[in-house]
Structures are given as structure tokens and as C-alpha cells.
N, C-alpha and C. Protein backbone atom coordinates (compact mmCIF):
# COMPACT_ATOMS: atom_id res chain seq x y z
N UNK A 1 -2.07 10.27 4.68
CA UNK A 1 -1.99 8.87 4.34
C UNK A 1 -0.59 8.63 3.79
N UNK A 2 -0.02 7.51 4.19
CA UNK A 2 1.32 7.17 3.74
C UNK A 2 1.33 5.76 3.16
N UNK A 3 2.21 5.57 2.19
CA UNK A 3 2.34 4.24 1.60
C UNK A 3 3.79 3.94 1.26
N UNK A 4 4.14 2.69 1.44
CA UNK A 4 5.37 2.13 0.88
C UNK A 4 4.88 1.20 -0.23
N UNK A 5 5.30 1.50 -1.46
CA UNK A 5 4.83 0.76 -2.63
C UNK A 5 6.02 0.01 -3.21
N UNK A 6 5.86 -1.30 -3.35
CA UNK A 6 6.94 -2.12 -3.90
C UNK A 6 6.44 -2.85 -5.14
N UNK A 7 7.24 -2.76 -6.20
CA UNK A 7 6.94 -3.51 -7.42
C UNK A 7 7.37 -4.96 -7.17
N UNK A 8 6.45 -5.89 -7.38
CA UNK A 8 6.74 -7.29 -7.04
C UNK A 8 6.42 -8.22 -8.21
N UNK A 9 7.11 -9.36 -8.20
CA UNK A 9 6.77 -10.44 -9.13
C UNK A 9 5.64 -11.27 -8.55
N UNK A 10 5.62 -11.38 -7.21
CA UNK A 10 4.51 -12.00 -6.49
C UNK A 10 4.64 -11.64 -5.02
N UNK A 11 3.54 -11.78 -4.31
CA UNK A 11 3.53 -11.48 -2.87
C UNK A 11 2.33 -12.19 -2.24
N UNK A 12 2.47 -12.48 -0.95
CA UNK A 12 1.34 -13.03 -0.22
C UNK A 12 1.40 -12.59 1.23
N UNK A 13 0.28 -12.72 1.91
CA UNK A 13 0.19 -12.39 3.32
C UNK A 13 -0.50 -13.55 4.03
N UNK A 14 0.08 -13.93 5.17
CA UNK A 14 -0.47 -15.03 5.96
C UNK A 14 -0.89 -14.53 7.33
N UNK A 15 -1.96 -15.09 7.83
CA UNK A 15 -2.42 -14.88 9.21
C UNK A 15 -2.61 -16.27 9.81
N UNK A 16 -1.98 -16.49 10.94
CA UNK A 16 -2.03 -17.80 11.60
C UNK A 16 -1.63 -18.93 10.66
N UNK A 17 -0.62 -18.67 9.81
CA UNK A 17 -0.08 -19.68 8.91
C UNK A 17 -0.88 -19.93 7.65
N UNK A 18 -2.01 -19.24 7.48
CA UNK A 18 -2.85 -19.42 6.30
C UNK A 18 -2.79 -18.21 5.40
N UNK A 19 -2.63 -18.43 4.09
CA UNK A 19 -2.61 -17.34 3.12
C UNK A 19 -4.00 -16.71 3.05
N UNK A 20 -4.06 -15.38 3.29
CA UNK A 20 -5.33 -14.66 3.22
C UNK A 20 -5.38 -13.71 2.03
N UNK A 21 -4.22 -13.46 1.40
CA UNK A 21 -4.15 -12.62 0.22
C UNK A 21 -2.90 -12.97 -0.57
N UNK A 22 -3.03 -13.01 -1.90
CA UNK A 22 -1.90 -13.41 -2.73
C UNK A 22 -2.05 -12.79 -4.12
N UNK A 23 -0.95 -12.29 -4.67
CA UNK A 23 -0.96 -11.71 -6.02
C UNK A 23 0.24 -12.20 -6.82
N UNK A 24 0.13 -12.05 -8.11
CA UNK A 24 1.24 -12.23 -9.03
C UNK A 24 1.89 -10.88 -9.27
N UNK A 25 2.28 -10.61 -10.50
CA UNK A 25 2.97 -9.36 -10.84
C UNK A 25 2.11 -8.15 -10.52
N UNK A 26 2.71 -7.19 -9.81
CA UNK A 26 1.97 -5.99 -9.47
C UNK A 26 2.62 -5.19 -8.38
N UNK A 27 1.78 -4.67 -7.47
CA UNK A 27 2.24 -3.80 -6.40
C UNK A 27 1.84 -4.33 -5.03
N UNK A 28 2.81 -4.34 -4.13
CA UNK A 28 2.56 -4.57 -2.72
C UNK A 28 2.53 -3.20 -2.07
N UNK A 29 1.41 -2.87 -1.43
CA UNK A 29 1.22 -1.55 -0.85
C UNK A 29 1.03 -1.68 0.66
N UNK A 30 1.97 -1.12 1.42
CA UNK A 30 1.82 -0.99 2.86
C UNK A 30 1.18 0.38 3.07
N UNK A 31 -0.02 0.42 3.64
CA UNK A 31 -0.82 1.65 3.72
C UNK A 31 -1.05 2.05 5.17
N UNK A 32 -0.65 3.27 5.49
CA UNK A 32 -0.88 3.83 6.82
C UNK A 32 -1.84 5.00 6.74
N UNK A 33 -2.75 5.07 7.69
CA UNK A 33 -3.75 6.14 7.73
C UNK A 33 -3.41 7.08 8.88
N UNK A 34 -3.36 8.37 8.59
CA UNK A 34 -3.04 9.37 9.59
C UNK A 34 -4.28 9.95 10.26
N UNK A 35 -4.07 10.55 11.41
CA UNK A 35 -5.16 11.10 12.22
C UNK A 35 -5.94 12.19 11.48
N UNK A 36 -5.29 12.91 10.58
CA UNK A 36 -5.93 14.01 9.85
C UNK A 36 -6.37 13.65 8.44
N UNK A 37 -6.30 12.39 8.06
CA UNK A 37 -6.62 12.00 6.69
C UNK A 37 -8.13 12.05 6.44
N UNK A 38 -8.46 12.40 5.19
CA UNK A 38 -9.86 12.49 4.80
C UNK A 38 -10.03 11.95 3.38
N UNK A 39 -11.19 12.17 2.79
CA UNK A 39 -11.48 11.62 1.46
C UNK A 39 -10.54 12.16 0.38
N UNK A 40 -10.04 13.38 0.55
CA UNK A 40 -9.09 13.93 -0.43
C UNK A 40 -7.78 13.15 -0.42
N UNK A 41 -7.33 12.80 0.79
CA UNK A 41 -6.11 11.99 0.91
C UNK A 41 -6.33 10.62 0.27
N UNK A 42 -7.48 10.05 0.53
CA UNK A 42 -7.82 8.73 -0.01
C UNK A 42 -7.82 8.75 -1.54
N UNK A 43 -8.52 9.70 -2.12
CA UNK A 43 -8.59 9.80 -3.58
C UNK A 43 -7.20 10.05 -4.19
N UNK A 44 -6.41 10.91 -3.54
CA UNK A 44 -5.06 11.19 -4.02
C UNK A 44 -4.24 9.90 -4.08
N UNK A 45 -4.29 9.10 -3.00
CA UNK A 45 -3.48 7.89 -2.93
C UNK A 45 -3.93 6.85 -3.96
N UNK A 46 -5.23 6.69 -4.13
CA UNK A 46 -5.73 5.73 -5.12
C UNK A 46 -5.23 6.11 -6.51
N UNK A 47 -5.38 7.38 -6.86
CA UNK A 47 -4.95 7.85 -8.19
C UNK A 47 -3.44 7.77 -8.36
N UNK A 48 -2.71 8.19 -7.35
CA UNK A 48 -1.24 8.20 -7.44
C UNK A 48 -0.70 6.78 -7.58
N UNK A 49 -1.14 5.88 -6.72
CA UNK A 49 -0.59 4.52 -6.72
C UNK A 49 -1.02 3.75 -7.97
N UNK A 50 -2.28 3.83 -8.33
CA UNK A 50 -2.73 3.09 -9.52
C UNK A 50 -2.10 3.63 -10.80
N UNK A 51 -1.70 4.89 -10.79
CA UNK A 51 -1.11 5.49 -11.99
C UNK A 51 0.41 5.57 -12.00
N UNK A 52 1.06 5.09 -10.94
CA UNK A 52 2.53 5.14 -10.88
C UNK A 52 3.13 4.42 -12.09
N UNK A 53 3.96 5.11 -12.82
CA UNK A 53 4.59 4.52 -14.01
C UNK A 53 5.94 3.93 -13.60
N UNK A 54 5.88 2.72 -13.00
CA UNK A 54 7.10 2.08 -12.51
C UNK A 54 7.31 0.68 -13.09
N UNK A 55 6.54 0.35 -14.13
CA UNK A 55 6.74 -0.92 -14.83
C UNK A 55 7.37 -0.63 -16.19
N UNK A 56 8.23 -1.54 -16.62
CA UNK A 56 9.01 -1.31 -17.83
C UNK A 56 8.18 -1.52 -19.09
N UNK A 57 8.45 -0.65 -20.08
CA UNK A 57 7.84 -0.80 -21.39
C UNK A 57 8.77 -1.66 -22.26
N UNK A 58 8.49 -1.73 -23.56
CA UNK A 58 9.29 -2.57 -24.45
C UNK A 58 10.73 -2.09 -24.60
N UNK A 59 11.01 -0.84 -24.22
CA UNK A 59 12.36 -0.29 -24.27
C UNK A 59 13.05 -0.35 -22.91
N UNK A 60 12.46 -1.08 -21.96
CA UNK A 60 13.00 -1.26 -20.60
C UNK A 60 13.05 0.05 -19.81
N UNK A 61 12.15 0.97 -20.13
CA UNK A 61 12.03 2.23 -19.39
C UNK A 61 10.81 2.12 -18.48
N UNK A 62 10.93 2.65 -17.25
CA UNK A 62 9.77 2.66 -16.35
C UNK A 62 8.77 3.67 -16.90
N UNK A 63 7.77 3.17 -17.62
CA UNK A 63 6.86 4.03 -18.34
C UNK A 63 5.41 3.55 -18.25
N UNK A 64 5.18 2.38 -17.62
CA UNK A 64 3.85 1.81 -17.58
C UNK A 64 3.33 1.73 -16.14
N UNK A 65 2.02 1.88 -16.01
CA UNK A 65 1.38 1.81 -14.69
C UNK A 65 0.82 0.41 -14.45
N UNK A 66 0.36 0.20 -13.24
CA UNK A 66 -0.30 -1.05 -12.87
C UNK A 66 -1.50 -1.30 -13.79
N UNK A 67 -2.24 -0.25 -14.10
CA UNK A 67 -3.39 -0.36 -14.99
C UNK A 67 -2.95 -0.76 -16.40
N UNK A 68 -1.82 -0.21 -16.86
CA UNK A 68 -1.32 -0.51 -18.20
C UNK A 68 -0.94 -1.97 -18.37
N UNK A 69 -0.40 -2.58 -17.31
CA UNK A 69 0.06 -3.96 -17.41
C UNK A 69 -0.98 -4.96 -16.89
N UNK A 70 -2.14 -4.45 -16.47
CA UNK A 70 -3.18 -5.29 -15.88
C UNK A 70 -2.63 -6.07 -14.69
N UNK A 71 -1.86 -5.36 -13.86
CA UNK A 71 -1.24 -5.96 -12.68
C UNK A 71 -2.20 -6.05 -11.51
N UNK A 72 -1.71 -6.68 -10.46
CA UNK A 72 -2.51 -6.91 -9.27
C UNK A 72 -1.94 -6.11 -8.09
N UNK A 73 -2.74 -5.96 -7.05
CA UNK A 73 -2.32 -5.20 -5.88
C UNK A 73 -2.64 -5.97 -4.60
N UNK A 74 -1.67 -5.98 -3.69
CA UNK A 74 -1.88 -6.52 -2.35
C UNK A 74 -1.70 -5.37 -1.38
N UNK A 75 -2.73 -5.09 -0.57
CA UNK A 75 -2.73 -3.95 0.35
C UNK A 75 -2.68 -4.46 1.78
N UNK A 76 -1.69 -3.96 2.53
CA UNK A 76 -1.48 -4.35 3.92
C UNK A 76 -1.60 -3.11 4.80
N UNK A 77 -2.45 -3.16 5.81
CA UNK A 77 -2.56 -2.03 6.74
C UNK A 77 -1.27 -1.93 7.56
N UNK A 78 -0.79 -0.70 7.76
CA UNK A 78 0.53 -0.51 8.37
C UNK A 78 0.57 0.79 9.17
N UNK A 79 -0.02 0.79 10.36
CA UNK A 79 -0.05 2.01 11.17
C UNK A 79 1.35 2.47 11.56
N UNK A 80 2.33 1.58 11.56
CA UNK A 80 3.69 1.95 11.97
C UNK A 80 4.36 2.91 10.99
N UNK A 81 3.75 3.15 9.83
CA UNK A 81 4.31 4.16 8.92
C UNK A 81 4.24 5.56 9.53
N UNK A 82 3.43 5.71 10.57
CA UNK A 82 3.35 6.98 11.28
C UNK A 82 4.16 6.99 12.57
N UNK A 83 5.03 6.00 12.74
CA UNK A 83 5.90 5.97 13.92
C UNK A 83 6.87 7.14 13.91
N UNK A 84 6.86 7.93 14.96
CA UNK A 84 7.73 9.10 15.08
C UNK A 84 8.86 8.77 16.05
N UNK A 85 10.08 8.76 15.54
CA UNK A 85 11.25 8.42 16.37
C UNK A 85 12.21 9.61 16.48
N UNK A 86 11.71 10.81 16.27
CA UNK A 86 12.58 11.99 16.37
C UNK A 86 13.08 12.21 17.79
N UNK A 87 12.29 11.80 18.77
CA UNK A 87 12.68 11.93 20.18
C UNK A 87 12.74 10.54 20.79
N UNK A 88 13.87 10.19 21.28
CA UNK A 88 14.02 8.88 21.91
C UNK A 88 14.14 7.77 20.89
N UNK A 89 14.01 6.55 21.37
CA UNK A 89 14.18 5.39 20.51
C UNK A 89 12.93 4.53 20.42
N UNK A 90 11.92 4.87 21.20
CA UNK A 90 10.65 4.14 21.13
C UNK A 90 9.68 4.97 20.29
N UNK A 91 9.15 4.40 19.21
CA UNK A 91 8.27 5.17 18.34
C UNK A 91 6.99 5.62 19.04
N UNK A 92 6.57 6.83 18.68
CA UNK A 92 5.28 7.35 19.10
C UNK A 92 4.34 7.22 17.91
N UNK A 93 3.12 6.78 18.16
CA UNK A 93 2.16 6.59 17.08
C UNK A 93 0.97 7.53 17.19
N UNK A 94 1.18 8.70 17.80
CA UNK A 94 0.08 9.64 18.02
C UNK A 94 -0.48 10.21 16.71
N UNK A 95 0.29 10.15 15.63
CA UNK A 95 -0.20 10.65 14.34
C UNK A 95 -0.97 9.61 13.54
N UNK A 96 -1.03 8.38 14.04
CA UNK A 96 -1.80 7.32 13.39
C UNK A 96 -3.28 7.50 13.72
N UNK A 97 -4.12 7.22 12.75
CA UNK A 97 -5.57 7.31 12.97
C UNK A 97 -6.02 6.23 13.95
N UNK A 98 -7.10 6.51 14.65
CA UNK A 98 -7.72 5.51 15.52
C UNK A 98 -8.18 4.33 14.66
N UNK A 99 -8.20 3.13 15.22
CA UNK A 99 -8.51 1.93 14.43
C UNK A 99 -9.82 2.00 13.63
N UNK A 100 -10.88 2.56 14.18
CA UNK A 100 -12.16 2.60 13.47
C UNK A 100 -12.04 3.40 12.17
N UNK A 101 -11.45 4.59 12.26
CA UNK A 101 -11.26 5.43 11.07
C UNK A 101 -10.29 4.76 10.10
N UNK A 102 -9.19 4.26 10.62
CA UNK A 102 -8.17 3.65 9.77
C UNK A 102 -8.74 2.45 9.00
N UNK A 103 -9.49 1.59 9.68
CA UNK A 103 -10.04 0.42 8.99
C UNK A 103 -11.03 0.83 7.92
N UNK A 104 -11.85 1.82 8.20
CA UNK A 104 -12.81 2.31 7.22
C UNK A 104 -12.09 2.85 5.98
N UNK A 105 -11.06 3.66 6.18
CA UNK A 105 -10.34 4.24 5.04
C UNK A 105 -9.54 3.17 4.29
N UNK A 106 -9.00 2.22 5.00
CA UNK A 106 -8.29 1.09 4.39
C UNK A 106 -9.24 0.33 3.47
N UNK A 107 -10.42 0.03 3.95
CA UNK A 107 -11.41 -0.69 3.13
C UNK A 107 -11.88 0.15 1.94
N UNK A 108 -12.03 1.46 2.14
CA UNK A 108 -12.41 2.34 1.03
C UNK A 108 -11.31 2.37 -0.03
N UNK A 109 -10.05 2.40 0.40
CA UNK A 109 -8.93 2.39 -0.54
C UNK A 109 -9.02 1.13 -1.42
N UNK A 110 -9.23 0.00 -0.79
CA UNK A 110 -9.31 -1.28 -1.52
C UNK A 110 -10.49 -1.26 -2.49
N UNK A 111 -11.64 -0.81 -2.02
CA UNK A 111 -12.83 -0.75 -2.86
C UNK A 111 -12.61 0.14 -4.08
N UNK A 112 -11.99 1.31 -3.87
CA UNK A 112 -11.74 2.24 -4.97
C UNK A 112 -10.76 1.64 -5.98
N UNK A 113 -9.78 0.88 -5.51
CA UNK A 113 -8.85 0.22 -6.43
C UNK A 113 -9.58 -0.85 -7.24
N UNK A 114 -10.42 -1.61 -6.57
CA UNK A 114 -11.21 -2.63 -7.27
C UNK A 114 -12.14 -1.98 -8.30
N UNK A 115 -12.72 -0.83 -7.96
CA UNK A 115 -13.60 -0.12 -8.89
C UNK A 115 -12.87 0.38 -10.12
N UNK A 116 -11.54 0.52 -10.03
CA UNK A 116 -10.73 0.90 -11.19
C UNK A 116 -10.38 -0.31 -12.05
N UNK A 117 -10.83 -1.50 -11.63
CA UNK A 117 -10.56 -2.71 -12.38
C UNK A 117 -9.29 -3.44 -11.97
N UNK A 118 -8.72 -3.04 -10.82
CA UNK A 118 -7.50 -3.68 -10.32
C UNK A 118 -7.89 -4.86 -9.44
N UNK A 119 -7.35 -6.04 -9.76
CA UNK A 119 -7.55 -7.19 -8.86
C UNK A 119 -6.77 -6.88 -7.59
N UNK A 120 -7.50 -6.71 -6.49
CA UNK A 120 -6.90 -6.24 -5.24
C UNK A 120 -7.14 -7.26 -4.12
N UNK A 121 -6.05 -7.68 -3.53
CA UNK A 121 -6.09 -8.59 -2.38
C UNK A 121 -5.70 -7.79 -1.14
N UNK A 122 -5.96 -8.34 0.03
CA UNK A 122 -5.65 -7.60 1.25
C UNK A 122 -5.29 -8.53 2.38
N UNK A 123 -4.69 -7.93 3.40
CA UNK A 123 -4.45 -8.64 4.64
C UNK A 123 -5.68 -8.49 5.52
N UNK A 124 -5.53 -8.83 6.79
CA UNK A 124 -6.62 -8.66 7.75
C UNK A 124 -6.25 -7.51 8.67
N UNK A 125 -7.07 -6.48 8.66
CA UNK A 125 -6.78 -5.27 9.42
C UNK A 125 -6.56 -5.62 10.89
N UNK A 126 -5.45 -5.13 11.43
CA UNK A 126 -5.15 -5.29 12.84
C UNK A 126 -4.57 -6.65 13.24
N UNK A 127 -4.47 -7.56 12.28
CA UNK A 127 -3.96 -8.90 12.60
C UNK A 127 -2.43 -8.89 12.58
N UNK A 128 -1.86 -9.92 13.20
CA UNK A 128 -0.43 -10.17 13.11
C UNK A 128 -0.21 -10.88 11.78
N UNK A 129 0.40 -10.19 10.82
CA UNK A 129 0.53 -10.72 9.47
C UNK A 129 1.99 -11.01 9.14
N UNK A 130 2.18 -12.02 8.31
CA UNK A 130 3.49 -12.36 7.78
C UNK A 130 3.42 -12.15 6.27
N UNK A 131 4.28 -11.28 5.75
CA UNK A 131 4.24 -10.91 4.34
C UNK A 131 5.48 -11.47 3.64
N UNK A 132 5.26 -12.16 2.54
CA UNK A 132 6.34 -12.66 1.70
C UNK A 132 6.23 -11.99 0.33
N UNK A 133 7.39 -11.66 -0.25
CA UNK A 133 7.37 -11.02 -1.55
C UNK A 133 8.66 -11.28 -2.30
N UNK A 134 8.56 -11.18 -3.60
CA UNK A 134 9.74 -11.11 -4.44
C UNK A 134 9.69 -9.73 -5.07
N UNK A 135 10.58 -8.85 -4.56
CA UNK A 135 10.65 -7.47 -5.04
C UNK A 135 11.26 -7.49 -6.43
N UNK A 136 10.66 -6.79 -7.35
CA UNK A 136 11.10 -6.75 -8.74
C UNK A 136 11.89 -5.47 -8.97
N UNK A 137 13.19 -5.60 -9.09
CA UNK A 137 14.04 -4.44 -9.38
C UNK A 137 15.27 -4.36 -8.52
N UNK A 138 15.19 -4.07 -7.27
CA UNK A 138 13.99 -3.71 -6.51
C UNK A 138 13.53 -2.28 -6.83
N UNK A 139 12.23 -2.12 -6.78
CA UNK A 139 11.62 -0.80 -6.94
C UNK A 139 10.74 -0.57 -5.73
N UNK A 140 11.07 0.46 -4.94
CA UNK A 140 10.30 0.81 -3.75
C UNK A 140 10.09 2.32 -3.74
N UNK A 141 8.83 2.74 -3.61
CA UNK A 141 8.46 4.16 -3.66
C UNK A 141 7.74 4.52 -2.36
N UNK A 142 8.09 5.68 -1.79
CA UNK A 142 7.41 6.21 -0.61
C UNK A 142 6.47 7.33 -1.05
N UNK A 143 5.24 7.31 -0.55
CA UNK A 143 4.26 8.32 -0.92
C UNK A 143 3.57 8.83 0.34
N UNK A 144 3.40 10.14 0.43
CA UNK A 144 2.67 10.76 1.53
C UNK A 144 1.64 11.71 0.92
N UNK A 145 0.37 11.53 1.27
CA UNK A 145 -0.69 12.35 0.67
C UNK A 145 -0.57 13.83 1.02
N UNK A 146 0.13 14.14 2.13
CA UNK A 146 0.35 15.54 2.50
C UNK A 146 1.59 16.11 1.81
N UNK A 147 2.26 15.26 1.02
CA UNK A 147 3.44 15.61 0.24
C UNK A 147 4.59 16.07 1.12
N UNK A 148 4.74 15.43 2.28
CA UNK A 148 5.84 15.73 3.19
C UNK A 148 7.15 15.23 2.61
N UNK A 149 7.10 14.14 1.86
CA UNK A 149 8.29 13.63 1.17
C UNK A 149 7.88 13.11 -0.19
């Protein structure tokens, strides 16, 4: 499982011109599910992302997590995080999970975040989405559950 996590002041996602998910201060998470991902990957990502200490404390040090600041999360499905461009210029997506598995794990990720008390919004799986955000910092973190990077 892979994620691009951005600290935001606000973010929203639109489908067909209508806002389907919107948050204030918190994290925008682009989440990709890999062909070999399982419940261990899912649990790792929920814990890692919800506990990331990338919000500033009173001394302006990145020392607080989303849970600490009672922040919000917007999760966008993003199979292209598994795009492999090592050969040629057209990405191969063979490492991306099939849509049925990916959508199930995407929904489980959201549910587990909500169960931690995080107000979690989402896009529409598989839809053509338009994402707007105000990146705070900017702070952008890449996470891979297999710890490749």
C-alpha cells in the first residue's frame, strides 16, 4: 500500500462539478492499493498516517499528530501510485490491485480511520475526480507499507 500524505489547511474533491468530500485542517491522503497488500499493510498504514507527527506544537516543531490536533482527513483512491515507468515512458500498472480488492481495502482504511475518531471524508472510488487543496508548509510525505522508500 502506498500513500502520498499532504498536510493541508483545507481540501475538497469534486465529481461532475459537485463537492463529494471536504475537510478543514488535516491530511489529504492519496491512497494506492497494491496487488500483494493485505490486512497487515492496511493496519500499518492506518497507524502510520494517523500517528504522523507533522503538525506544529507551540514551539513550531513538527511534533503533533492528526489525532493530537483533532484534524480531519480526506482520502482519495489513487491506483497510479503503482505506475511503473522504469521501462519506457508509458506507465505499467500491473502492481496495482484489481478494482474489487482495491475498493474493499480503500473502504476499510476509511472505516478504520473513522473508528479512531478521525473525521474522514472521501472521494468516489474509480471516478474522475478533481482535487483542490491548500498545502500547509508545504509538507508532503511518501509512505509505502512494504517500506520500499
